[in-house]
Protein backbone atom coordinates (compact mmCIF):
# COMPACT_ATOMS: atom_id res chain seq x y z
CA UNK A 1 17.34 -46.38 41.81
CA UNK A 2 20.35 -45.97 43.98
CA UNK A 3 23.46 -44.13 43.51
CA UNK A 4 25.88 -45.43 42.45
CA UNK A 5 29.69 -45.11 44.02
CA UNK A 6 31.48 -42.10 42.74
CA UNK A 7 34.79 -44.20 41.39
CA UNK A 8 38.86 -43.03 43.14
CA UNK A 9 40.77 -41.62 40.28
CA UNK A 10 43.34 -41.02 42.46
CA UNK A 11 43.55 -40.48 47.10
CA UNK A 12 46.98 -39.67 49.59
CA UNK A 13 47.16 -40.09 52.37
CA UNK A 14 49.60 -38.48 56.23
CA UNK A 15 48.75 -41.24 58.18
CA UNK A 16 50.28 -43.86 55.86
CA UNK A 17 52.49 -41.28 53.19
CA UNK A 18 50.83 -43.33 50.70
CA UNK A 19 49.08 -42.44 47.05
CA UNK A 20 47.30 -44.31 45.28
CA UNK A 21 46.28 -44.09 40.76
CA UNK A 22 43.42 -46.66 40.47
CA UNK A 23 44.62 -49.07 37.28
CA UNK A 24 41.56 -47.66 35.22
CA UNK A 25 43.70 -44.63 34.69
CA UNK A 26 46.96 -45.79 34.13
CA UNK A 27 46.71 -44.00 30.06
CA UNK A 28 46.31 -41.08 31.75
CA UNK A 29 49.40 -38.83 30.23
CA UNK A 30 52.41 -39.06 32.37
CA UNK A 31 52.18 -35.81 33.03
CA UNK A 32 48.86 -35.62 34.03
CA UNK A 33 49.92 -38.32 35.92
CA UNK A 34 52.28 -36.43 37.89
CA UNK A 35 50.33 -33.25 38.58
CA UNK A 36 48.38 -35.00 40.48
CA UNK A 37 50.49 -37.09 42.89
CA UNK A 38 52.02 -33.74 43.76
CA UNK A 39 49.20 -31.29 44.81
CA UNK A 40 47.79 -35.12 46.59
CA UNK A 41 50.84 -35.94 48.46
CA UNK A 42 51.40 -31.69 48.83
CA UNK A 43 47.36 -30.70 50.17
CA UNK A 44 48.21 -34.03 53.07
CA UNK A 45 51.51 -33.41 53.28
CA UNK A 46 50.10 -29.36 54.18
CA UNK A 47 46.57 -29.91 55.63
CA UNK A 48 46.59 -33.40 57.20
CA UNK A 49 44.18 -36.25 56.75
CA UNK A 50 43.22 -38.31 53.33
CA UNK A 51 42.78 -36.72 50.29
CA UNK A 52 40.55 -38.56 47.44
CA UNK A 53 39.86 -36.74 44.30
CA UNK A 54 36.97 -39.08 42.42
CA UNK A 55 34.29 -38.73 40.13
CA UNK A 56 30.80 -38.47 40.71
CA UNK A 57 27.71 -40.64 39.32
CA UNK A 58 27.49 -37.52 36.67
CA UNK A 59 31.22 -37.31 35.42
CA UNK A 60 32.23 -34.09 38.26
CA UNK A 61 35.71 -35.06 39.76
CA UNK A 62 35.09 -34.19 43.48
CA UNK A 63 37.92 -33.72 46.68
CA UNK A 64 37.45 -36.10 49.35
CA UNK A 65 38.84 -35.25 52.59
CA UNK A 66 38.53 -37.45 55.34
CA UNK A 67 40.11 -37.77 59.29
CA UNK A 68 40.88 -39.77 62.54
CA UNK A 69 38.01 -38.77 65.24
CA UNK A 70 41.67 -38.30 66.77
CA UNK A 71 44.34 -36.23 64.52
CA UNK A 72 43.94 -32.67 66.73
CA UNK A 73 47.05 -31.58 63.79
CA UNK A 74 44.27 -31.69 60.98
CA UNK A 75 43.78 -28.33 59.76
CA UNK A 76 40.34 -28.08 58.80
CA UNK A 77 40.62 -24.15 57.56
CA UNK A 78 43.82 -25.03 55.76
CA UNK A 79 41.88 -28.25 54.07
CA UNK A 80 39.44 -25.54 52.84
CA UNK A 81 41.09 -23.49 51.39
CA UNK A 82 43.02 -25.73 49.76
CA UNK A 83 41.26 -27.40 47.40
CA UNK A 84 39.73 -23.52 46.63
CA UNK A 85 43.18 -23.03 45.60
CA UNK A 86 43.52 -25.99 43.92
CA UNK A 87 40.04 -25.86 42.06
CA UNK A 88 41.13 -22.07 41.03
CA UNK A 89 45.08 -22.93 39.75
CA UNK A 90 43.86 -25.98 38.09
CA UNK A 91 41.08 -25.38 36.99
CA UNK A 92 42.13 -26.40 32.77
CA UNK A 93 43.52 -29.61 35.12
CA UNK A 94 39.87 -30.97 36.15
CA UNK A 95 38.45 -29.88 33.74
CA UNK A 96 40.11 -31.96 31.13
CA UNK A 97 39.69 -34.99 34.00
CA UNK A 98 36.37 -34.65 34.20
CA UNK A 99 36.33 -35.41 30.50
CA UNK A 100 38.18 -37.49 29.72
CA UNK A 101 36.03 -39.47 32.68
CA UNK A 102 32.96 -38.84 30.40
CA UNK A 103 34.40 -39.88 27.71
CA UNK A 104 36.76 -43.17 28.60
CA UNK A 105 35.10 -44.87 30.98
CA UNK A 106 31.41 -43.69 30.92
CA UNK A 107 31.73 -43.97 27.28
CA UNK A 108 29.93 -40.55 26.21
CA UNK A 109 29.66 -38.85 22.86
CA UNK A 110 30.70 -35.54 23.26
CA UNK A 111 30.78 -32.56 20.24
CA UNK A 112 33.13 -30.46 20.02
CA UNK A 113 31.27 -27.71 17.67
């Protein structure tokens, strides 16, 4: 059995200075979409590289970071610290996104009892 490809929620690139939101998530509330955009764009402005938020096959939201081999300005330590900061400060948002993904995209039934 092969692993399913991760599903990209959004991404930002310091190289192209662009932000992308997967159309499958266009139903998210505007405030959530804006918060994701600000989070991703600020990350790439501060640290550099490319930040992708993606769901793994179990519905867990993961931060995927890549940088060009010749990008000597990419801050690897800053990257780790910034992601830890986001995971702490945005915990409620990130958990809500995982729940949204499991219900809307994976079609799971969730019991709220």
